[in-house]
PDB file of N, CA and C in Angstrom:
ATOM      1  N   THR A   1      -7.318  -0.239 -27.652  1.00  0.00           N
ATOM      2  CA  THR A   1      -8.704  -0.598 -27.401  1.00  0.00           C
ATOM      3  C   THR A   1      -8.813  -2.112 -27.314  1.00  0.00           C
ATOM      4  N   SER A   2      -9.494  -2.562 -26.295  1.00  0.00           N
ATOM      5  CA  SER A   2      -9.732  -3.992 -26.124  1.00  0.00           C
ATOM      6  C   SER A   2     -10.963  -4.173 -25.254  1.00  0.00           C
ATOM      7  N   GLY A   3     -11.825  -5.097 -25.639  1.00  0.00           N
ATOM      8  CA  GLY A   3     -13.022  -5.356 -24.855  1.00  0.00           C
ATOM      9  C   GLY A   3     -13.906  -4.144 -24.711  1.00  0.00           C
ATOM     10  N   ASP A   4     -14.039  -3.352 -25.746  1.00  0.00           N
ATOM     11  CA  ASP A   4     -14.861  -2.144 -25.745  1.00  0.00           C
ATOM     12  C   ASP A   4     -14.331  -1.043 -24.828  1.00  0.00           C
ATOM     13  N   TYR A   5     -13.090  -1.154 -24.377  1.00  0.00           N
ATOM     14  CA  TYR A   5     -12.489  -0.130 -23.529  1.00  0.00           C
ATOM     15  C   TYR A   5     -11.296   0.480 -24.247  1.00  0.00           C
ATOM     16  N   SER A   6     -11.147   1.796 -24.098  1.00  0.00           N
ATOM     17  CA  SER A   6     -10.022   2.475 -24.742  1.00  0.00           C
ATOM     18  C   SER A   6      -9.189   3.263 -23.733  1.00  0.00           C
ATOM     19  N   ASP A   7      -9.333   2.928 -22.448  1.00  0.00           N
ATOM     20  CA  ASP A   7      -8.614   3.673 -21.412  1.00  0.00           C
ATOM     21  C   ASP A   7      -7.483   2.857 -20.774  1.00  0.00           C
ATOM     22  N   TRP A   8      -6.915   1.931 -21.525  1.00  0.00           N
ATOM     23  CA  TRP A   8      -5.785   1.134 -21.045  1.00  0.00           C
ATOM     24  C   TRP A   8      -4.528   1.996 -20.981  1.00  0.00           C
ATOM     25  N   TYR A   9      -3.645   1.704 -20.037  1.00  0.00           N
ATOM     26  CA  TYR A   9      -2.383   2.426 -19.951  1.00  0.00           C
ATOM     27  C   TYR A   9      -1.302   1.507 -19.388  1.00  0.00           C
ATOM     28  N   LEU A  10      -0.062   1.915 -19.555  1.00  0.00           N
ATOM     29  CA  LEU A  10       1.085   1.188 -19.016  1.00  0.00           C
ATOM     30  C   LEU A  10       1.239   1.588 -17.545  1.00  0.00           C
ATOM     31  N   PRO A  11       1.322   0.617 -16.629  1.00  0.00           N
ATOM     32  CA  PRO A  11       1.374   0.963 -15.205  1.00  0.00           C
ATOM     33  C   PRO A  11       2.677   1.645 -14.801  1.00  0.00           C
ATOM     34  N   SER A  12       2.590   2.475 -13.770  1.00  0.00           N
ATOM     35  CA  SER A  12       3.790   3.080 -13.179  1.00  0.00           C
ATOM     36  C   SER A  12       4.616   1.974 -12.520  1.00  0.00           C
ATOM     37  N   LYS A  13       5.838   2.296 -12.088  1.00  0.00           N
ATOM     38  CA  LYS A  13       6.673   1.271 -11.452  1.00  0.00           C
ATOM     39  C   LYS A  13       6.041   0.775 -10.150  1.00  0.00           C
ATOM     40  N   ASP A  14       5.330   1.626  -9.429  1.00  0.00           N
ATOM     41  CA  ASP A  14       4.667   1.197  -8.200  1.00  0.00           C
ATOM     42  C   ASP A  14       3.461   0.304  -8.499  1.00  0.00           C
ATOM     43  N   GLU A  15       2.698   0.654  -9.518  1.00  0.00           N
ATOM     44  CA  GLU A  15       1.570  -0.188  -9.929  1.00  0.00           C
ATOM     45  C   GLU A  15       2.072  -1.535 -10.446  1.00  0.00           C
ATOM     46  N   LEU A  16       3.165  -1.506 -11.199  1.00  0.00           N
ATOM     47  CA  LEU A  16       3.746  -2.739 -11.712  1.00  0.00           C
ATOM     48  C   LEU A  16       4.211  -3.628 -10.566  1.00  0.00           C
ATOM     49  N   ASN A  17       4.774  -3.035  -9.521  1.00  0.00           N
ATOM     50  CA  ASN A  17       5.192  -3.810  -8.368  1.00  0.00           C
ATOM     51  C   ASN A  17       3.997  -4.456  -7.673  1.00  0.00           C
ATOM     52  N   SER A  18       2.863  -3.769  -7.639  1.00  0.00           N
ATOM     53  CA  SER A  18       1.641  -4.362  -7.075  1.00  0.00           C
ATOM     54  C   SER A  18       1.195  -5.574  -7.887  1.00  0.00           C
ATOM     55  N   ILE A  19       1.326  -5.475  -9.195  1.00  0.00           N
ATOM     56  CA  ILE A  19       0.992  -6.615 -10.054  1.00  0.00           C
ATOM     57  C   ILE A  19       1.930  -7.779  -9.734  1.00  0.00           C
ATOM     58  N   TYR A  20       3.237  -7.486  -9.626  1.00  0.00           N
ATOM     59  CA  TYR A  20       4.198  -8.530  -9.282  1.00  0.00           C
ATOM     60  C   TYR A  20       3.845  -9.169  -7.938  1.00  0.00           C
ATOM     61  N   SER A  21       3.516  -8.353  -6.949  1.00  0.00           N
ATOM     62  CA  SER A  21       3.195  -8.860  -5.610  1.00  0.00           C
ATOM     63  C   SER A  21       1.970  -9.767  -5.610  1.00  0.00           C
ATOM     64  N   ASN A  22       1.095  -9.580  -6.584  1.00  0.00           N
ATOM     65  CA  ASN A  22      -0.135 -10.372  -6.681  1.00  0.00           C
ATOM     66  C   ASN A  22      -0.124 -11.329  -7.866  1.00  0.00           C
ATOM     67  N   MET A  23       1.072 -11.635  -8.383  1.00  0.00           N
ATOM     68  CA  MET A  23       1.214 -12.455  -9.581  1.00  0.00           C
ATOM     69  C   MET A  23       0.501 -13.804  -9.463  1.00  0.00           C
ATOM     70  N   SER A  24       0.678 -14.478  -8.363  1.00  0.00           N
ATOM     71  CA  SER A  24       0.064 -15.797  -8.185  1.00  0.00           C
ATOM     72  C   SER A  24      -1.467 -15.700  -8.208  1.00  0.00           C
ATOM     73  N   LEU A  25      -2.005 -14.739  -7.496  1.00  0.00           N
ATOM     74  CA  LEU A  25      -3.454 -14.532  -7.464  1.00  0.00           C
ATOM     75  C   LEU A  25      -3.989 -14.174  -8.844  1.00  0.00           C
ATOM     76  N   ILE A  26      -3.274 -13.292  -9.543  1.00  0.00           N
ATOM     77  CA  ILE A  26      -3.695 -12.883 -10.887  1.00  0.00           C
ATOM     78  C   ILE A  26      -3.688 -14.079 -11.829  1.00  0.00           C
ATOM     79  N   ASN A  27      -2.609 -14.846 -11.820  1.00  0.00           N
ATOM     80  CA  ASN A  27      -2.530 -16.005 -12.718  1.00  0.00           C
ATOM     81  C   ASN A  27      -3.597 -17.038 -12.399  1.00  0.00           C
ATOM     82  N   THR A  28      -3.906 -17.230 -11.121  1.00  0.00           N
ATOM     83  CA  THR A  28      -4.980 -18.154 -10.745  1.00  0.00           C
ATOM     84  C   THR A  28      -6.323 -17.640 -11.244  1.00  0.00           C
ATOM     85  N   SER A  29      -6.539 -16.333 -11.106  1.00  0.00           N
ATOM     86  CA  SER A  29      -7.818 -15.737 -11.511  1.00  0.00           C
ATOM     87  C   SER A  29      -8.062 -15.815 -13.007  1.00  0.00           C
ATOM     88  N   ILE A  30      -7.001 -15.720 -13.803  1.00  0.00           N
ATOM     89  CA  ILE A  30      -7.197 -15.700 -15.256  1.00  0.00           C
ATOM     90  C   ILE A  30      -7.025 -17.065 -15.904  1.00  0.00           C
ATOM     91  N   SER A  31      -6.639 -18.072 -15.113  1.00  0.00           N
ATOM     92  CA  SER A  31      -6.454 -19.398 -15.707  1.00  0.00           C
ATOM     93  C   SER A  31      -7.771 -19.883 -16.294  1.00  0.00           C
ATOM     94  N   GLY A  32      -7.675 -20.488 -17.434  1.00  0.00           N
ATOM     95  CA  GLY A  32      -8.862 -20.994 -18.109  1.00  0.00           C
ATOM     96  C   GLY A  32      -9.535 -19.974 -19.005  1.00  0.00           C
ATOM     97  N   ASN A  33      -9.079 -18.727 -18.991  1.00  0.00           N
ATOM     98  CA  ASN A  33      -9.648 -17.700 -19.855  1.00  0.00           C
ATOM     99  C   ASN A  33      -8.719 -17.551 -21.060  1.00  0.00           C
ATOM    100  N   PRO A  34      -9.140 -18.034 -22.227  1.00  0.00           N
ATOM    101  CA  PRO A  34      -8.253 -18.015 -23.389  1.00  0.00           C
ATOM    102  C   PRO A  34      -7.877 -16.619 -23.877  1.00  0.00           C
ATOM    103  N   SER A  35      -8.587 -15.581 -23.462  1.00  0.00           N
ATOM    104  CA  SER A  35      -8.251 -14.224 -23.907  1.00  0.00           C
ATOM    105  C   SER A  35      -7.229 -13.551 -22.988  1.00  0.00           C
ATOM    106  N   CYS A  36      -6.823 -14.225 -21.908  1.00  0.00           N
ATOM    107  CA  CYS A  36      -5.857 -13.661 -20.964  1.00  0.00           C
ATOM    108  C   CYS A  36      -4.557 -14.448 -21.014  1.00  0.00           C
ATOM    109  N   THR A  37      -3.459 -13.735 -20.917  1.00  0.00           N
ATOM    110  CA  THR A  37      -2.134 -14.346 -20.907  1.00  0.00           C
ATOM    111  C   THR A  37      -1.565 -14.273 -19.501  1.00  0.00           C
ATOM    112  N   ALA A  38      -1.089 -15.391 -18.987  1.00  0.00           N
ATOM    113  CA  ALA A  38      -0.518 -15.429 -17.644  1.00  0.00           C
ATOM    114  C   ALA A  38       0.756 -14.592 -17.572  1.00  0.00           C
ATOM    115  N   LEU A  39       1.006 -14.042 -16.396  1.00  0.00           N
ATOM    116  CA  LEU A  39       2.255 -13.344 -16.138  1.00  0.00           C
ATOM    117  C   LEU A  39       3.379 -14.367 -16.075  1.00  0.00           C
ATOM    118  N   THR A  40       4.543 -14.005 -16.605  1.00  0.00           N
ATOM    119  CA  THR A  40       5.691 -14.906 -16.608  1.00  0.00           C
ATOM    120  C   THR A  40       6.829 -14.275 -15.816  1.00  0.00           C
ATOM    121  N   SER A  41       7.936 -14.964 -15.705  1.00  0.00           N
ATOM    122  CA  SER A  41       9.069 -14.463 -14.929  1.00  0.00           C
ATOM    123  C   SER A  41       9.984 -13.552 -15.751  1.00  0.00           C
ATOM    124  N   ASP A  42       9.468 -12.964 -16.815  1.00  0.00           N
ATOM    125  CA  ASP A  42      10.232 -12.068 -17.684  1.00  0.00           C
ATOM    126  C   ASP A  42      10.260 -10.647 -17.126  1.00  0.00           C
ATOM    127  N   TYR A  43      10.966  -9.756 -17.843  1.00  0.00           N
ATOM    128  CA  TYR A  43      10.945  -8.326 -17.544  1.00  0.00           C
ATOM    129  C   TYR A  43       9.690  -7.698 -18.140  1.00  0.00           C
ATOM    130  N   TYR A  44       9.121  -6.708 -17.415  1.00  0.00           N
ATOM    131  CA  TYR A  44       7.968  -5.935 -17.867  1.00  0.00           C
ATOM    132  C   TYR A  44       8.314  -4.453 -17.759  1.00  0.00           C
ATOM    133  N   TRP A  45       7.872  -3.681 -18.750  1.00  0.00           N
ATOM    134  CA  TRP A  45       8.075  -2.236 -18.740  1.00  0.00           C
ATOM    135  C   TRP A  45       7.061  -1.555 -17.828  1.00  0.00           C
ATOM    136  N   SER A  46       7.496  -0.472 -17.198  1.00  0.00           N
ATOM    137  CA  SER A  46       6.594   0.443 -16.515  1.00  0.00           C
ATOM    138  C   SER A  46       6.543   1.726 -17.339  1.00  0.00           C
ATOM    139  N   SER A  47       5.660   2.621 -16.967  1.00  0.00           N
ATOM    140  CA  SER A  47       5.583   3.917 -17.649  1.00  0.00           C
ATOM    141  C   SER A  47       6.490   4.943 -16.996  1.00  0.00           C
ATOM    142  N   THR A  48       7.158   4.575 -15.909  1.00  0.00           N
ATOM    143  CA  THR A  48       8.004   5.510 -15.167  1.00  0.00           C
ATOM    144  C   THR A  48       9.338   5.691 -15.881  1.00  0.00           C
ATOM    145  N   GLU A  49       9.535   6.889 -16.408  1.00  0.00           N
ATOM    146  CA  GLU A  49      10.756   7.192 -17.146  1.00  0.00           C
ATOM    147  C   GLU A  49      11.832   7.734 -16.211  1.00  0.00           C
ATOM    148  N   VAL A  50      13.068   7.404 -16.542  1.00  0.00           N
ATOM    149  CA  VAL A  50      14.230   7.960 -15.858  1.00  0.00           C
ATOM    150  C   VAL A  50      14.787   9.110 -16.695  1.00  0.00           C
ATOM    151  N   SER A  51      14.803   8.906 -17.991  1.00  0.00           N
ATOM    152  CA  SER A  51      15.272   9.920 -18.944  1.00  0.00           C
ATOM    153  C   SER A  51      14.585   9.637 -20.278  1.00  0.00           C
ATOM    154  N   SER A  52      14.959  10.392 -21.297  1.00  0.00           N
ATOM    155  CA  SER A  52      14.355  10.165 -22.607  1.00  0.00           C
ATOM    156  C   SER A  52      14.751   8.812 -23.202  1.00  0.00           C
ATOM    157  N   SER A  53      15.816   8.214 -22.680  1.00  0.00           N
ATOM    158  CA  SER A  53      16.285   6.940 -23.241  1.00  0.00           C
ATOM    159  C   SER A  53      16.171   5.757 -22.280  1.00  0.00           C
ATOM    160  N   THR A  54      15.722   6.009 -21.028  1.00  0.00           N
ATOM    161  CA  THR A  54      15.592   4.919 -20.059  1.00  0.00           C
ATOM    162  C   THR A  54      14.280   5.006 -19.298  1.00  0.00           C
ATOM    163  N   ALA A  55      13.809   3.844 -18.874  1.00  0.00           N
ATOM    164  CA  ALA A  55      12.598   3.748 -18.066  1.00  0.00           C
ATOM    165  C   ALA A  55      12.758   2.572 -17.112  1.00  0.00           C
ATOM    166  N   PHE A  56      11.926   2.528 -16.078  1.00  0.00           N
ATOM    167  CA  PHE A  56      11.991   1.423 -15.139  1.00  0.00           C
ATOM    168  C   PHE A  56      11.322   0.186 -15.723  1.00  0.00           C
ATOM    169  N   ALA A  57      11.969  -0.938 -15.498  1.00  0.00           N
ATOM    170  CA  ALA A  57      11.410  -2.241 -15.834  1.00  0.00           C
ATOM    171  C   ALA A  57      11.520  -3.099 -14.582  1.00  0.00           C
ATOM    172  N   GLN A  58      10.726  -4.153 -14.535  1.00  0.00           N
ATOM    173  CA  GLN A  58      10.751  -5.043 -13.377  1.00  0.00           C
ATOM    174  C   GLN A  58      10.785  -6.475 -13.853  1.00  0.00           C
ATOM    175  N   THR A  59      11.681  -7.255 -13.248  1.00  0.00           N
ATOM    176  CA  THR A  59      11.694  -8.676 -13.553  1.00  0.00           C
ATOM    177  C   THR A  59      10.721  -9.381 -12.619  1.00  0.00           C
ATOM    178  N   PHE A  60       9.902 -10.219 -13.189  1.00  0.00           N
ATOM    179  CA  PHE A  60       8.930 -10.941 -12.394  1.00  0.00           C
ATOM    180  C   PHE A  60       9.495 -12.269 -11.895  1.00  0.00           C
ATOM    181  N   SER A  61      10.808 -12.477 -12.065  1.00  0.00           N
ATOM    182  CA  SER A  61      11.436 -13.659 -11.482  1.00  0.00           C
ATOM    183  C   SER A  61      11.762 -13.434 -10.012  1.00  0.00           C
ATOM    184  N   ASN A  62      12.122 -12.178  -9.651  1.00  0.00           N
ATOM    185  CA  ASN A  62      12.426 -11.894  -8.242  1.00  0.00           C
ATOM    186  C   ASN A  62      11.929 -10.524  -7.783  1.00  0.00           C
ATOM    187  N   GLY A  63      11.283  -9.761  -8.657  1.00  0.00           N
ATOM    188  CA  GLY A  63      10.701  -8.475  -8.291  1.00  0.00           C
ATOM    189  C   GLY A  63      11.627  -7.278  -8.370  1.00  0.00           C
ATOM    190  N   ALA A  64      12.854  -7.481  -8.804  1.00  0.00           N
ATOM    191  CA  ALA A  64      13.800  -6.367  -8.867  1.00  0.00           C
ATOM    192  C   ALA A  64      13.397  -5.363  -9.941  1.00  0.00           C
ATOM    193  N   GLN A  65      13.467  -4.086  -9.600  1.00  0.00           N
ATOM    194  CA  GLN A  65      13.215  -3.012 -10.547  1.00  0.00           C
ATOM    195  C   GLN A  65      14.524  -2.313 -10.860  1.00  0.00           C
ATOM    196  N   SER A  66      14.687  -1.891 -12.100  1.00  0.00           N
ATOM    197  CA  SER A  66      15.903  -1.175 -12.483  1.00  0.00           C
ATOM    198  C   SER A  66      15.630  -0.332 -13.715  1.00  0.00           C
ATOM    199  N   ALA A  67      16.443   0.705 -13.865  1.00  0.00           N
ATOM    200  CA  ALA A  67      16.363   1.546 -15.056  1.00  0.00           C
ATOM    201  C   ALA A  67      16.979   0.775 -16.218  1.00  0.00           C
ATOM    202  N   GLN A  68      16.279   0.765 -17.341  1.00  0.00           N
ATOM    203  CA  GLN A  68      16.711   0.005 -18.511  1.00  0.00           C
ATOM    204  C   GLN A  68      16.633   0.876 -19.758  1.00  0.00           C
ATOM    205  N   SER A  69      17.489   0.593 -20.711  1.00  0.00           N
ATOM    206  CA  SER A  69      17.445   1.288 -21.995  1.00  0.00           C
ATOM    207  C   SER A  69      16.127   0.970 -22.697  1.00  0.00           C
ATOM    208  N   LYS A  70      15.525   1.991 -23.272  1.00  0.00           N
ATOM    209  CA  LYS A  70      14.282   1.776 -24.011  1.00  0.00           C
ATOM    210  C   LYS A  70      14.501   0.968 -25.285  1.00  0.00           C
ATOM    211  N   ASN A  71      15.752   0.717 -25.632  1.00  0.00           N
ATOM    212  CA  ASN A  71      16.048  -0.136 -26.786  1.00  0.00           C
ATOM    213  C   ASN A  71      15.813  -1.610 -26.480  1.00  0.00           C
ATOM    214  N   ASN A  72      15.711  -1.964 -25.200  1.00  0.00           N
ATOM    215  CA  ASN A  72      15.457  -3.361 -24.819  1.00  0.00           C
ATOM    216  C   ASN A  72      14.036  -3.753 -25.169  1.00  0.00           C
ATOM    217  N   THR A  73      13.865  -5.001 -25.504  1.00  0.00           N
ATOM    218  CA  THR A  73      12.543  -5.540 -25.809  1.00  0.00           C
ATOM    219  C   THR A  73      12.048  -6.335 -24.606  1.00  0.00           C
ATOM    220  N   TYR A  74      11.071  -5.778 -23.901  1.00  0.00           N
ATOM    221  CA  TYR A  74      10.481  -6.437 -22.741  1.00  0.00           C
ATOM    222  C   TYR A  74       8.974  -6.541 -22.935  1.00  0.00           C
ATOM    223  N   ARG A  75       8.343  -7.315 -22.090  1.00  0.00           N
ATOM    224  CA  ARG A  75       6.889  -7.460 -22.126  1.00  0.00           C
ATOM    225  C   ARG A  75       6.228  -6.194 -21.571  1.00  0.00           C
ATOM    226  N   VAL A  76       4.956  -6.029 -21.873  1.00  0.00           N
ATOM    227  CA  VAL A  76       4.130  -4.982 -21.282  1.00  0.00           C
ATOM    228  C   VAL A  76       2.857  -5.622 -20.756  1.00  0.00           C
ATOM    229  N   ARG A  77       2.289  -5.009 -19.757  1.00  0.00           N
ATOM    230  CA  ARG A  77       1.006  -5.462 -19.221  1.00  0.00           C
ATOM    231  C   ARG A  77       0.146  -4.231 -19.030  1.00  0.00           C
ATOM    232  N   ALA A  78      -0.736  -3.977 -19.964  1.00  0.00           N
ATOM    233  CA  ALA A  78      -1.618  -2.815 -19.883  1.00  0.00           C
ATOM    234  C   ALA A  78      -2.639  -3.015 -18.777  1.00  0.00           C
ATOM    235  N   VAL A  79      -3.031  -1.913 -18.139  1.00  0.00           N
ATOM    236  CA  VAL A  79      -3.994  -1.951 -17.042  1.00  0.00           C
ATOM    237  C   VAL A  79      -5.056  -0.868 -17.264  1.00  0.00           C
ATOM    238  N   ARG A  80      -6.136  -0.983 -16.512  1.00  0.00           N
ATOM    239  CA  ARG A  80      -7.206   0.022 -16.508  1.00  0.00           C
ATOM    240  C   ARG A  80      -7.542   0.355 -15.077  1.00  0.00           C
ATOM    241  N   SER A  81      -8.006   1.566 -14.842  1.00  0.00           N
ATOM    242  CA  SER A  81      -8.525   1.937 -13.527  1.00  0.00           C
ATOM    243  C   SER A  81     -10.002   1.603 -13.500  1.00  0.00           C
ATOM    244  N   PHE A  82     -10.460   1.208 -12.345  1.00  0.00           N
ATOM    245  CA  PHE A  82     -11.910   0.964 -12.203  1.00  0.00           C
ATOM    246  C   PHE A  82     -12.350   1.253 -10.799  1.00  0.00           C
TER     247      PHE A  82
END
């Protein structure tokens, strides 16, 4: 729950790729808002699972997606539908 909303979710690998594709626009839009954190060139988790122990992650340094062990510690970016 954040900002009176409780319908946040982890984006699918395709939704995450859309976020990556619009990273510059998103970071420009949220600049100056202290409650928002800019996207970085780190890895981000998607909700798309490959198996019980792996899921897709995407690096925002070059947009590559790959299956990763869920034991890895990566960033998350929750989203909402509107």
